[in-house]
Amino acid sequence: MCTVISSTLHLPIEERLADAFDRISRSNFVEIRAGLISLEEYIRWVAGIPEPRHQDNREETADAGGEGTQQEYAIPSGPRVDEFKAMQDGFEYNIAIRVVACMDYLLGLKETNCYRQESLLMSCLEILEGALLLHPDSRNLFARQLPMGTLVDTIPKRRHPGIQERIIGVLAITILECPANTRTFEAQNGLVSIANLFKNRATSKEVKKNITELIYVYLLPEDENSQTAISSAQLVDPQFPGDEAFMASRCRTVEQKSEMLGAHLQGLDEIVRDIRHHPWMFGTKIVEKDDKEGDKKDN
């Protein structure tokens, strides 16, 4: 397999991405794996992250509950990242679109080879996380119902803790400061899915911790100007026909969102108090109703 991947290293980036996209669109697990490894290598190259020792059987990673798989890195910058962002602005070479389509295919398969499917899904999520961190505008894809629905559907369909931890992390990235994405997350029953996972006795403590972090992100105050109409409206995806480009991005207050989530999960008062009393911890400022009225009087 590594021989298949290394044969593309000499290719121009455009050709290498096209080759990887072609492979992950096939129904052969070996070809999908080869395409995903190529994308992993490319994202690591862009980010300047040293190559890890490859595991041919990623089932072990998924089955181990994802221990040691998540590492924190500073968001890089430089010519490679600038070139990456320019390529990701368009549909032709956008990684997020292709990886979500691959996930949708994998989720639709019967679990005849569960471990292999889990390992491929883990790779998809790792690549998606890296692509969204390097190119935040790709998050606008998840204002669409089908891409967001694919992420939400992964929660109840996959029980490996490693998969669950990674999907919760990706969801947090997609909704952070993105009101349109958050409305789509709500519309796709995302609140019900994370609440059910949290309440499930079989859910690990680490996954519950990640869900709590996602809840903090979800409940943060929203700014209607934080998610602009994508600079790449060219991310119109023919793989999702009939799906509207964006759902309404109407902002909701902390209280409104707390009430919605509270219908499925209790004990949110402490989180709301944290956000209101310590906004500096979350990089945001909450303007109370009285403050707004005072500003109007001053003007």
Protein backbone atom coordinates (compact mmCIF):
# COMPACT_ATOMS: atom_id res chain seq x y z
CA MET A 1 0.00 0.00 0.00
CA CYS A 2 2.79 2.41 0.89
CA THR A 3 4.25 1.77 -2.58
CA VAL A 4 0.99 2.96 -4.13
CA ILE A 5 1.11 6.16 -2.09
CA SER A 6 4.78 6.94 -2.62
CA SER A 7 4.27 6.73 -6.38
CA THR A 8 2.24 9.96 -6.22
CA LEU A 9 4.71 12.01 -4.17
CA HIS A 10 6.52 13.34 -7.24
CA LEU A 11 3.30 14.59 -8.83
CA PRO A 12 2.21 18.24 -8.81
CA ILE A 13 -0.18 18.95 -5.96
CA GLU A 14 -3.18 19.26 -8.27
CA GLU A 15 -2.52 15.85 -9.80
CA ARG A 16 -1.88 14.26 -6.41
CA LEU A 17 -5.18 15.58 -5.04
CA ALA A 18 -7.05 14.46 -8.15
CA ASP A 19 -5.56 10.98 -7.76
CA ALA A 20 -6.50 10.85 -4.06
CA PHE A 21 -10.04 12.07 -4.77
CA ASP A 22 -10.44 9.42 -7.43
CA ARG A 23 -9.34 6.68 -5.04
CA ILE A 24 -11.61 7.68 -2.13
CA SER A 25 -14.59 7.78 -4.49
CA ARG A 26 -14.23 4.09 -5.30
CA SER A 27 -15.89 1.14 -3.53
CA ASN A 28 -12.66 -0.77 -2.95
CA PHE A 29 -11.42 -0.43 0.64
CA VAL A 30 -7.77 -0.73 -0.42
CA GLU A 31 -8.15 2.12 -2.90
CA ILE A 32 -10.01 4.26 -0.35
CA ARG A 33 -7.24 3.65 2.20
CA ALA A 34 -4.59 4.63 -0.35
CA GLY A 35 -6.40 7.87 -1.19
CA LEU A 36 -6.89 8.78 2.48
CA ILE A 37 -3.23 8.17 3.32
CA SER A 38 -2.25 10.43 0.42
CA LEU A 39 -4.50 13.19 1.80
CA GLU A 40 -3.11 12.69 5.31
CA GLU A 41 0.43 13.04 4.01
CA TYR A 42 -0.47 16.19 2.08
CA ILE A 43 -2.11 17.90 5.08
CA ARG A 44 0.86 17.01 7.27
CA TRP A 45 3.19 18.45 4.65
CA VAL A 46 1.18 21.67 4.50
CA ALA A 47 1.09 21.96 8.30
CA GLY A 48 4.75 21.03 8.71
CA ILE A 49 3.91 18.10 10.99
CA PRO A 50 6.46 15.25 11.02
CA GLU A 51 5.26 12.04 9.47
CA PRO A 52 4.25 9.42 12.06
CA ARG A 53 5.16 5.77 11.74
CA HIS A 54 2.30 4.47 9.62
CA GLN A 55 0.09 1.71 10.92
CA ASP A 56 -1.19 -0.50 8.16
CA ASN A 57 -4.05 -1.61 10.41
CA ARG A 58 -5.79 1.51 11.60
CA GLU A 59 -8.37 -0.76 13.22
CA GLU A 60 -6.07 -0.82 16.25
CA THR A 61 -6.29 2.97 16.53
CA ALA A 62 -10.08 3.00 16.37
CA ASP A 63 -10.45 -0.01 18.66
CA ALA A 64 -8.13 1.48 21.26
CA GLY A 65 -10.55 4.32 21.84
CA GLY A 66 -8.37 6.89 20.14
CA GLU A 67 -5.85 7.06 22.98
CA GLY A 68 -2.89 9.18 22.02
CA THR A 69 -4.31 10.04 18.60
CA GLN A 70 -5.26 13.64 19.30
CA GLN A 71 -2.39 16.12 19.61
CA GLU A 72 -2.53 19.88 19.76
CA TYR A 73 -0.61 21.93 17.23
CA ALA A 74 -0.43 25.65 16.62
CA ILE A 75 -2.16 26.64 13.38
CA PRO A 76 0.74 27.05 10.93
CA SER A 77 1.31 29.81 8.42
CA GLY A 78 3.54 30.37 5.43
CA PRO A 79 3.59 29.85 1.65
CA ARG A 80 2.39 26.24 1.85
CA VAL A 81 -0.64 27.22 3.91
CA ASP A 82 -1.39 30.19 1.64
CA GLU A 83 -1.30 27.92 -1.41
CA PHE A 84 -3.45 25.36 0.39
CA LYS A 85 -6.07 27.97 1.26
CA ALA A 86 -6.18 29.25 -2.33
CA MET A 87 -6.77 25.72 -3.64
CA GLN A 88 -9.40 24.94 -1.01
CA ASP A 89 -11.41 28.05 -1.95
CA GLY A 90 -12.69 26.27 -5.04
CA PHE A 91 -14.75 23.12 -5.47
CA GLU A 92 -12.28 21.23 -7.68
CA TYR A 93 -9.63 20.67 -5.02
CA ASN A 94 -11.62 21.10 -1.82
CA ILE A 95 -10.76 18.26 0.55
CA ALA A 96 -13.68 18.63 2.97
CA ILE A 97 -16.27 18.06 0.26
CA ARG A 98 -14.63 14.83 -0.96
CA VAL A 99 -13.99 13.44 2.51
CA VAL A 100 -17.59 14.04 3.64
CA ALA A 101 -18.81 12.23 0.51
CA CYS A 102 -16.50 9.31 1.38
CA MET A 103 -17.85 9.25 4.94
CA ASP A 104 -21.41 9.23 3.62
CA TYR A 105 -20.55 6.18 1.49
CA LEU A 106 -18.90 4.34 4.39
CA LEU A 107 -21.81 5.04 6.75
CA GLY A 108 -24.23 3.63 4.20
CA LEU A 109 -22.46 0.26 3.99
CA LYS A 110 -23.60 -2.81 5.88
CA GLU A 111 -21.18 -3.60 8.68
CA THR A 112 -19.71 -6.65 6.97
CA ASN A 113 -16.21 -5.51 7.86
CA CYS A 114 -16.81 -3.24 10.84
CA TYR A 115 -13.19 -2.78 11.92
CA ARG A 116 -12.01 -1.76 8.47
CA GLN A 117 -14.90 0.67 8.09
CA GLU A 118 -14.14 2.17 11.51
CA SER A 119 -10.49 2.67 10.59
CA LEU A 120 -11.40 4.40 7.34
CA LEU A 121 -13.90 6.64 9.15
CA MET A 122 -11.23 7.57 11.69
CA SER A 123 -8.91 8.59 8.86
CA CYS A 124 -11.69 10.64 7.27
CA LEU A 125 -12.31 12.51 10.51
CA GLU A 126 -8.60 13.19 11.09
CA ILE A 127 -8.24 14.58 7.57
CA LEU A 128 -11.43 16.63 7.89
CA GLU A 129 -10.28 18.11 11.19
CA GLY A 130 -6.94 19.13 9.67
CA ALA A 131 -8.53 20.57 6.54
CA LEU A 132 -11.02 22.67 8.52
CA LEU A 133 -8.33 24.04 10.84
CA LEU A 134 -6.07 24.97 7.93
CA HIS A 135 -8.93 26.37 5.81
CA PRO A 136 -11.71 27.69 8.09
CA ASP A 137 -13.84 28.80 5.10
CA SER A 138 -14.45 25.12 4.34
CA ARG A 139 -16.65 25.08 7.44
CA ASN A 140 -19.29 26.89 5.40
CA LEU A 141 -19.97 23.58 3.67
CA PHE A 142 -21.68 22.45 6.88
CA ALA A 143 -24.39 25.05 6.62
CA ARG A 144 -25.79 22.56 4.11
CA GLN A 145 -28.07 19.86 5.40
CA LEU A 146 -26.45 16.78 3.86
CA PRO A 147 -22.83 17.40 4.94
CA MET A 148 -23.89 18.32 8.48
CA GLY A 149 -26.30 15.39 8.48
CA THR A 150 -23.43 13.05 7.65
CA LEU A 151 -21.49 14.24 10.70
CA VAL A 152 -24.50 13.96 13.00
CA ASP A 153 -25.39 10.51 11.66
CA THR A 154 -21.93 9.27 12.61
CA ILE A 155 -22.70 9.76 16.33
CA PRO A 156 -25.32 7.00 16.81
CA LYS A 157 -23.96 4.72 14.07
CA ARG A 158 -20.44 4.30 15.42
CA ARG A 159 -19.71 3.15 18.98
CA HIS A 160 -15.91 3.17 19.11
CA PRO A 161 -14.82 5.82 21.64
CA GLY A 162 -12.07 6.98 19.27
CA ILE A 163 -14.60 7.67 16.53
CA GLN A 164 -16.94 9.37 18.98
CA GLU A 165 -14.23 11.63 20.38
CA ARG A 166 -13.09 12.66 16.92
CA ILE A 167 -16.57 13.36 15.56
CA ILE A 168 -17.43 15.52 18.60
CA GLY A 169 -14.22 17.48 18.01
CA VAL A 170 -15.03 18.01 14.33
CA LEU A 171 -18.55 19.15 15.20
CA ALA A 172 -17.12 21.71 17.63
CA ILE A 173 -14.94 23.11 14.84
CA THR A 174 -17.85 23.32 12.40
CA ILE A 175 -20.19 25.26 14.71
CA LEU A 176 -17.68 27.55 16.45
CA GLU A 177 -18.63 31.15 15.51
CA CYS A 178 -20.77 29.79 12.66
CA PRO A 179 -24.46 30.56 13.34
CA ALA A 180 -25.62 29.15 9.99
CA ASN A 181 -23.87 25.86 10.71
CA THR A 182 -25.31 25.81 14.22
CA ARG A 183 -28.87 26.19 12.90
CA THR A 184 -28.23 23.29 10.52
CA PHE A 185 -26.77 21.24 13.38
CA GLU A 186 -29.98 21.83 15.32
CA ALA A 187 -32.17 21.03 12.31
CA GLN A 188 -30.35 17.72 11.77
CA ASN A 189 -31.17 16.60 15.34
CA GLY A 190 -27.63 17.24 16.52
CA LEU A 191 -28.83 18.24 20.00
CA VAL A 192 -30.74 14.99 20.42
CA SER A 193 -27.77 12.95 19.21
CA ILE A 194 -25.22 14.45 21.59
CA ALA A 195 -27.68 14.36 24.50
CA ASN A 196 -28.43 10.68 23.93
CA LEU A 197 -24.72 9.89 23.67
CA PHE A 198 -24.00 11.78 26.89
CA LYS A 199 -26.78 9.98 28.78
CA ASN A 200 -25.78 6.55 27.51
CA ARG A 201 -24.16 4.57 30.34
CA ALA A 202 -21.79 2.91 27.89
CA THR A 203 -20.30 6.25 26.83
CA SER A 204 -16.75 6.69 28.15
CA LYS A 205 -15.77 9.49 30.51
CA GLU A 206 -13.45 10.98 27.89
CA VAL A 207 -16.23 11.14 25.31
CA LYS A 208 -18.54 12.77 27.88
CA LYS A 209 -15.80 15.32 28.58
CA ASN A 210 -15.62 16.10 24.86
CA ILE A 211 -19.40 16.44 24.68
CA THR A 212 -19.27 18.93 27.56
CA GLU A 213 -16.71 20.97 25.61
CA LEU A 214 -18.98 20.84 22.55
CA ILE A 215 -21.88 22.08 24.67
CA TYR A 216 -19.79 25.06 25.79
CA VAL A 217 -19.04 25.86 22.15
CA TYR A 218 -22.70 25.48 21.21
CA LEU A 219 -23.94 27.78 23.98
CA LEU A 220 -21.50 30.61 23.26
CA PRO A 221 -23.06 33.93 22.18
CA GLU A 222 -23.50 34.32 18.45
CA ASP A 223 -22.57 37.19 16.19
CA GLU A 224 -24.50 37.46 12.93
CA ASN A 225 -21.36 38.83 11.26
CA SER A 226 -19.07 36.01 12.38
CA GLN A 227 -19.97 33.71 9.48
CA THR A 228 -19.96 35.56 6.21
CA ALA A 229 -21.33 34.26 2.95
CA ILE A 230 -18.48 32.06 1.86
CA SER A 231 -15.86 33.82 -0.19
CA SER A 232 -15.91 30.62 -2.21
CA ALA A 233 -19.54 30.49 -3.11
CA GLN A 234 -17.84 28.37 -5.72
CA LEU A 235 -18.04 25.55 -3.16
CA VAL A 236 -21.29 24.57 -4.84
CA ASP A 237 -21.22 20.83 -4.56
CA PRO A 238 -22.85 18.72 -7.28
CA GLN A 239 -22.45 15.71 -4.97
CA PHE A 240 -25.27 17.14 -2.84
CA PRO A 241 -27.99 17.91 -5.42
CA GLY A 242 -31.09 19.72 -4.25
CA ASP A 243 -29.53 20.83 -0.97
CA GLU A 244 -29.92 24.54 -0.35
CA ALA A 245 -26.65 26.45 -0.13
CA PHE A 246 -27.28 27.83 3.33
CA MET A 247 -29.97 27.60 5.92
CA ALA A 248 -31.10 30.73 7.70
CA SER A 249 -28.27 32.07 9.85
CA ARG A 250 -30.56 33.78 12.37
CA CYS A 251 -28.70 34.08 15.64
CA ARG A 252 -30.07 32.69 18.89
CA THR A 253 -29.31 33.86 22.41
CA VAL A 254 -27.57 31.78 25.05
CA GLU A 255 -30.91 31.39 26.82
CA GLN A 256 -32.71 30.22 23.69
CA LYS A 257 -30.08 27.61 22.97
CA SER A 258 -29.95 26.52 26.61
CA GLU A 259 -33.70 26.00 26.55
CA MET A 260 -33.52 23.96 23.35
CA LEU A 261 -30.72 21.73 24.61
CA GLY A 262 -32.31 21.57 28.07
CA ALA A 263 -35.29 19.77 26.56
CA HIS A 264 -32.96 16.79 26.05
CA LEU A 265 -30.25 17.26 28.68
CA GLN A 266 -30.44 18.61 32.21
CA GLY A 267 -27.86 20.47 34.30
CA LEU A 268 -26.88 23.27 31.92
CA ASP A 269 -27.21 26.10 34.45
CA GLU A 270 -23.58 25.89 35.58
CA ILE A 271 -22.30 26.03 32.00
CA VAL A 272 -24.46 29.07 31.24
CA ARG A 273 -23.16 30.78 34.40
CA ASP A 274 -19.58 30.07 33.34
CA ILE A 275 -20.16 31.65 29.94
CA ARG A 276 -21.90 34.68 31.41
CA HIS A 277 -19.56 35.33 34.34
CA HIS A 278 -16.26 34.43 32.68
CA PRO A 279 -16.62 35.44 29.01
CA TRP A 280 -12.90 36.12 28.73
CA MET A 281 -12.28 32.38 29.08
CA PHE A 282 -14.12 31.80 25.83
CA GLY A 283 -12.82 34.73 23.79
CA THR A 284 -16.20 36.42 23.69
CA LYS A 285 -18.14 39.22 25.32
CA ILE A 286 -21.75 38.95 26.34
CA VAL A 287 -23.74 42.15 26.11
CA GLU A 288 -26.66 42.22 28.49
CA LYS A 289 -30.00 43.70 27.48
CA ASP A 290 -29.50 46.65 29.87
CA ASP A 291 -26.12 47.37 28.31
CA LYS A 292 -27.66 47.54 24.83
CA GLU A 293 -30.34 49.91 26.05
CA GLY A 294 -27.69 52.07 27.73
CA ASP A 295 -25.72 52.25 24.48
CA LYS A 296 -28.81 53.40 22.63
CA LYS A 297 -29.39 56.16 25.21
CA ASP A 298 -25.79 57.30 24.93
CA ASN A 299 -26.23 57.59 21.19
